Structure formats: structure tokens, C-alpha cells
């Protein structure tokens, strides 16, 4: 599943107006393609998980790496609460 930014870069029009999952579409009727997109929250969660995985696989993390992961988690939590 693509993020909204990836979909825009690939030429999709992004529709956030309806309830539920955002959708991306490109082309013209009757030949158009519609794909489901990740919400911003899902994209943030994946980014945070990537950072945590990287931190855990690189051995003893530097203080900056720890701070980056904590900041990413804080940002994710702030999005979840808004």
C-alpha cells in the first residue's frame, strides 16, 4: 500500500474527502485505476517501526539515535491523540 505522498509522486490524484480509507486515482473514465492509500497515522507508525528496527539491529545505539526514536514515537503519539 502506498503513502499519500508516494501516490502523488506517481501521478495519482488523492481523495481525502470521504469517510474511511483515503484513495488514489489516475486515468480517465472508463479506464482509470483506483488504489487504497495509507492514512497519515499508518505511514507514521511504519516510519517509527523502521526507526526502532534500525536502532535494534545496529547494536548499541548512539544517544542521537535514541533521541530520534523517542522523538518519532512522541510524534506518533501526538498524531494519535489529535
N, C-alpha and C. Protein backbone atom coordinates (compact mmCIF):
# COMPACT_ATOMS: atom_id res chain seq x y z
N UNK A 1 0.85 -1.16 0.00
CA UNK A 1 0.00 0.00 0.00
C UNK A 1 0.90 1.23 0.00
N UNK A 2 0.53 2.22 -0.75
CA UNK A 2 1.33 3.44 -0.90
C UNK A 2 0.92 4.50 0.12
N UNK A 3 1.88 5.37 0.43
CA UNK A 3 1.53 6.54 1.23
C UNK A 3 0.91 7.57 0.29
N UNK A 4 0.30 8.57 0.86
CA UNK A 4 -0.31 9.63 0.04
C UNK A 4 0.76 10.36 -0.76
N UNK A 5 1.91 10.62 -0.16
CA UNK A 5 3.00 11.32 -0.86
C UNK A 5 3.51 10.49 -2.04
N UNK A 6 3.67 9.18 -1.84
CA UNK A 6 4.11 8.30 -2.93
C UNK A 6 3.11 8.31 -4.07
N UNK A 7 1.83 8.26 -3.74
CA UNK A 7 0.79 8.25 -4.76
C UNK A 7 0.83 9.53 -5.59
N UNK A 8 0.99 10.66 -4.95
CA UNK A 8 1.06 11.94 -5.67
C UNK A 8 2.27 11.96 -6.59
N UNK A 9 3.42 11.48 -6.09
CA UNK A 9 4.63 11.43 -6.92
C UNK A 9 4.44 10.54 -8.15
N UNK A 10 3.61 9.51 -8.03
CA UNK A 10 3.39 8.58 -9.14
C UNK A 10 2.22 9.00 -10.03
N UNK A 11 1.68 10.20 -9.81
CA UNK A 11 0.65 10.72 -10.70
C UNK A 11 -0.78 10.43 -10.32
N UNK A 12 -1.01 9.96 -9.11
CA UNK A 12 -2.37 9.72 -8.64
C UNK A 12 -2.96 11.00 -8.07
N UNK A 13 -4.25 11.15 -8.23
CA UNK A 13 -5.00 12.19 -7.52
C UNK A 13 -5.45 11.55 -6.21
N UNK A 14 -5.24 12.24 -5.11
CA UNK A 14 -5.57 11.70 -3.79
C UNK A 14 -6.87 12.31 -3.31
N UNK A 15 -7.80 11.44 -2.87
CA UNK A 15 -9.10 11.89 -2.38
C UNK A 15 -9.19 11.60 -0.88
N UNK A 16 -9.27 12.67 -0.11
CA UNK A 16 -9.39 12.54 1.35
C UNK A 16 -10.78 12.92 1.84
N UNK A 17 -11.70 13.16 0.91
CA UNK A 17 -12.99 13.75 1.28
C UNK A 17 -13.96 12.77 1.93
N UNK A 18 -13.89 11.52 1.58
CA UNK A 18 -14.87 10.57 2.09
C UNK A 18 -14.46 9.99 3.43
N UNK A 19 -15.39 9.30 4.07
CA UNK A 19 -15.05 8.62 5.32
C UNK A 19 -14.20 7.38 5.02
N UNK A 20 -13.42 6.97 5.98
CA UNK A 20 -12.64 5.75 5.79
C UNK A 20 -11.31 6.00 5.13
N UNK A 21 -10.84 4.99 4.43
CA UNK A 21 -9.50 4.99 3.84
C UNK A 21 -9.37 5.98 2.70
N UNK A 22 -8.25 6.73 2.66
CA UNK A 22 -8.01 7.60 1.51
C UNK A 22 -7.78 6.76 0.26
N UNK A 23 -8.13 7.31 -0.88
CA UNK A 23 -7.99 6.60 -2.15
C UNK A 23 -7.18 7.45 -3.12
N UNK A 24 -6.48 6.77 -4.02
CA UNK A 24 -5.76 7.44 -5.09
C UNK A 24 -6.31 6.96 -6.42
N UNK A 25 -6.42 7.87 -7.38
CA UNK A 25 -6.94 7.50 -8.70
C UNK A 25 -6.12 8.21 -9.78
N UNK A 26 -5.95 7.52 -10.91
CA UNK A 26 -5.32 8.16 -12.06
C UNK A 26 -5.94 7.58 -13.32
N UNK A 27 -5.89 8.38 -14.37
CA UNK A 27 -6.52 7.99 -15.62
C UNK A 27 -7.86 8.68 -15.78
N UNK A 28 -8.56 8.34 -16.86
CA UNK A 28 -9.87 8.92 -17.14
C UNK A 28 -10.88 7.80 -17.35
N UNK A 29 -12.11 8.09 -17.00
CA UNK A 29 -13.19 7.12 -17.18
C UNK A 29 -13.28 6.75 -18.65
N UNK A 30 -13.45 5.53 -19.03
CA UNK A 30 -13.69 4.34 -18.22
C UNK A 30 -12.42 3.59 -17.82
N UNK A 31 -11.27 4.10 -18.21
CA UNK A 31 -10.03 3.39 -17.92
C UNK A 31 -9.22 4.16 -16.88
N UNK A 32 -9.56 3.96 -15.64
CA UNK A 32 -8.79 4.59 -14.57
C UNK A 32 -8.49 3.56 -13.50
N UNK A 33 -7.50 3.84 -12.75
CA UNK A 33 -7.03 2.94 -11.71
C UNK A 33 -7.28 3.60 -10.35
N UNK A 34 -7.86 2.85 -9.44
CA UNK A 34 -8.12 3.34 -8.08
C UNK A 34 -7.40 2.41 -7.11
N UNK A 35 -6.64 3.01 -6.20
CA UNK A 35 -5.91 2.21 -5.21
C UNK A 35 -6.16 2.76 -3.80
N UNK A 36 -6.18 1.88 -2.80
CA UNK A 36 -6.27 2.35 -1.41
C UNK A 36 -4.91 2.90 -0.98
N UNK A 37 -4.93 3.89 -0.12
CA UNK A 37 -3.71 4.51 0.38
C UNK A 37 -3.64 4.40 1.90
N UNK A 38 -2.43 4.49 2.41
CA UNK A 38 -2.26 4.52 3.86
C UNK A 38 -2.73 5.86 4.40
N UNK A 39 -3.27 5.82 5.59
CA UNK A 39 -3.57 7.07 6.28
C UNK A 39 -2.25 7.65 6.79
N UNK A 40 -2.26 8.92 7.17
CA UNK A 40 -1.05 9.54 7.71
C UNK A 40 -0.59 8.82 8.98
N UNK A 41 -1.55 8.38 9.78
CA UNK A 41 -1.22 7.66 11.02
C UNK A 41 -0.51 6.35 10.71
N UNK A 42 -1.00 5.61 9.71
CA UNK A 42 -0.35 4.36 9.34
C UNK A 42 1.07 4.61 8.82
N UNK A 43 1.24 5.65 8.03
CA UNK A 43 2.56 5.98 7.49
C UNK A 43 3.52 6.36 8.63
N UNK A 44 3.05 7.12 9.60
CA UNK A 44 3.88 7.49 10.75
C UNK A 44 4.25 6.25 11.57
N UNK A 45 3.30 5.35 11.75
CA UNK A 45 3.57 4.12 12.50
C UNK A 45 4.65 3.30 11.81
N UNK A 46 4.55 3.13 10.50
CA UNK A 46 5.56 2.37 9.77
C UNK A 46 6.93 3.03 9.86
N UNK A 47 6.97 4.34 9.75
CA UNK A 47 8.23 5.06 9.87
C UNK A 47 8.85 4.85 11.25
N UNK A 48 8.04 4.93 12.28
CA UNK A 48 8.53 4.73 13.64
C UNK A 48 9.04 3.30 13.83
N UNK A 49 8.31 2.33 13.30
CA UNK A 49 8.76 0.93 13.41
C UNK A 49 10.07 0.71 12.67
N UNK A 50 10.24 1.36 11.51
CA UNK A 50 11.51 1.25 10.78
C UNK A 50 12.67 1.80 11.62
N UNK A 51 12.43 2.95 12.26
CA UNK A 51 13.47 3.53 13.11
C UNK A 51 13.82 2.62 14.29
N UNK A 52 12.81 2.05 14.91
CA UNK A 52 13.05 1.15 16.05
C UNK A 52 13.82 -0.08 15.59
N UNK A 53 13.43 -0.65 14.46
CA UNK A 53 14.12 -1.83 13.93
C UNK A 53 15.59 -1.50 13.65
N UNK A 54 15.82 -0.37 13.00
CA UNK A 54 17.18 0.05 12.69
C UNK A 54 17.99 0.22 13.97
N UNK A 55 17.38 0.83 14.95
CA UNK A 55 18.06 1.05 16.23
C UNK A 55 18.44 -0.28 16.88
N UNK A 56 17.53 -1.25 16.84
CA UNK A 56 17.78 -2.54 17.49
C UNK A 56 18.79 -3.40 16.74
N UNK A 57 18.85 -3.27 15.42
CA UNK A 57 19.75 -4.12 14.64
C UNK A 57 21.17 -3.57 14.53
N UNK A 58 21.37 -2.31 14.88
CA UNK A 58 22.70 -1.71 14.75
C UNK A 58 23.55 -1.85 16.00
N UNK A 59 23.08 -2.60 16.96
CA UNK A 59 23.86 -2.76 18.19
C UNK A 59 23.57 -1.63 19.15
N UNK A 60 24.56 -1.26 19.93
CA UNK A 60 24.38 -0.21 20.92
C UNK A 60 24.15 1.13 20.22
N UNK A 61 22.98 1.72 20.42
CA UNK A 61 22.66 2.96 19.71
C UNK A 61 23.35 4.17 20.33
N UNK A 62 23.63 5.13 19.50
CA UNK A 62 24.17 6.40 20.00
C UNK A 62 23.05 7.17 20.70
N UNK A 63 23.43 8.15 21.45
CA UNK A 63 22.43 8.98 22.15
C UNK A 63 21.54 9.69 21.13
N UNK A 64 22.12 10.16 20.01
CA UNK A 64 21.33 10.82 18.97
C UNK A 64 20.30 9.87 18.37
N UNK A 65 20.71 8.61 18.13
CA UNK A 65 19.78 7.63 17.57
C UNK A 65 18.64 7.36 18.54
N UNK A 66 18.96 7.25 19.81
CA UNK A 66 17.92 7.05 20.82
C UNK A 66 16.96 8.24 20.84
N UNK A 67 17.51 9.44 20.79
CA UNK A 67 16.68 10.65 20.80
C UNK A 67 15.77 10.71 19.57
N UNK A 68 16.30 10.30 18.39
CA UNK A 68 15.50 10.29 17.17
C UNK A 68 14.31 9.34 17.28
N UNK A 69 14.55 8.16 17.86
CA UNK A 69 13.47 7.19 18.01
C UNK A 69 12.44 7.69 19.01
N UNK A 70 12.89 8.26 20.11
CA UNK A 70 11.95 8.80 21.11
C UNK A 70 11.13 9.92 20.49
N UNK A 71 11.76 10.79 19.71
CA UNK A 71 11.05 11.88 19.03
C UNK A 71 10.01 11.33 18.05
N UNK A 72 10.38 10.29 17.29
CA UNK A 72 9.44 9.69 16.34
C UNK A 72 8.24 9.09 17.07
N UNK A 73 8.49 8.43 18.19
CA UNK A 73 7.39 7.86 18.97
C UNK A 73 6.51 8.96 19.54
N UNK A 74 7.12 10.02 20.05
CA UNK A 74 6.35 11.15 20.58
C UNK A 74 5.48 11.78 19.49
N UNK A 75 6.04 11.93 18.29
CA UNK A 75 5.25 12.48 17.17
C UNK A 75 4.09 11.58 16.82
N UNK A 76 4.33 10.28 16.81
CA UNK A 76 3.27 9.32 16.51
C UNK A 76 2.17 9.40 17.56
N UNK A 77 2.55 9.47 18.81
CA UNK A 77 1.55 9.56 19.87
C UNK A 77 0.78 10.87 19.81
N UNK A 78 1.44 11.96 19.44
CA UNK A 78 0.72 13.23 19.34
C UNK A 78 -0.29 13.21 18.20
N UNK A 79 0.05 12.53 17.10
CA UNK A 79 -0.90 12.39 15.99
C UNK A 79 -2.09 11.54 16.43
N UNK A 80 -1.81 10.50 17.20
CA UNK A 80 -2.88 9.60 17.65
C UNK A 80 -3.85 10.30 18.58
N UNK A 81 -3.37 11.26 19.34
CA UNK A 81 -4.23 11.95 20.30
C UNK A 81 -4.93 13.16 19.73
N UNK A 82 -4.57 13.57 18.53
CA UNK A 82 -5.21 14.77 17.96
C UNK A 82 -6.45 14.44 17.17
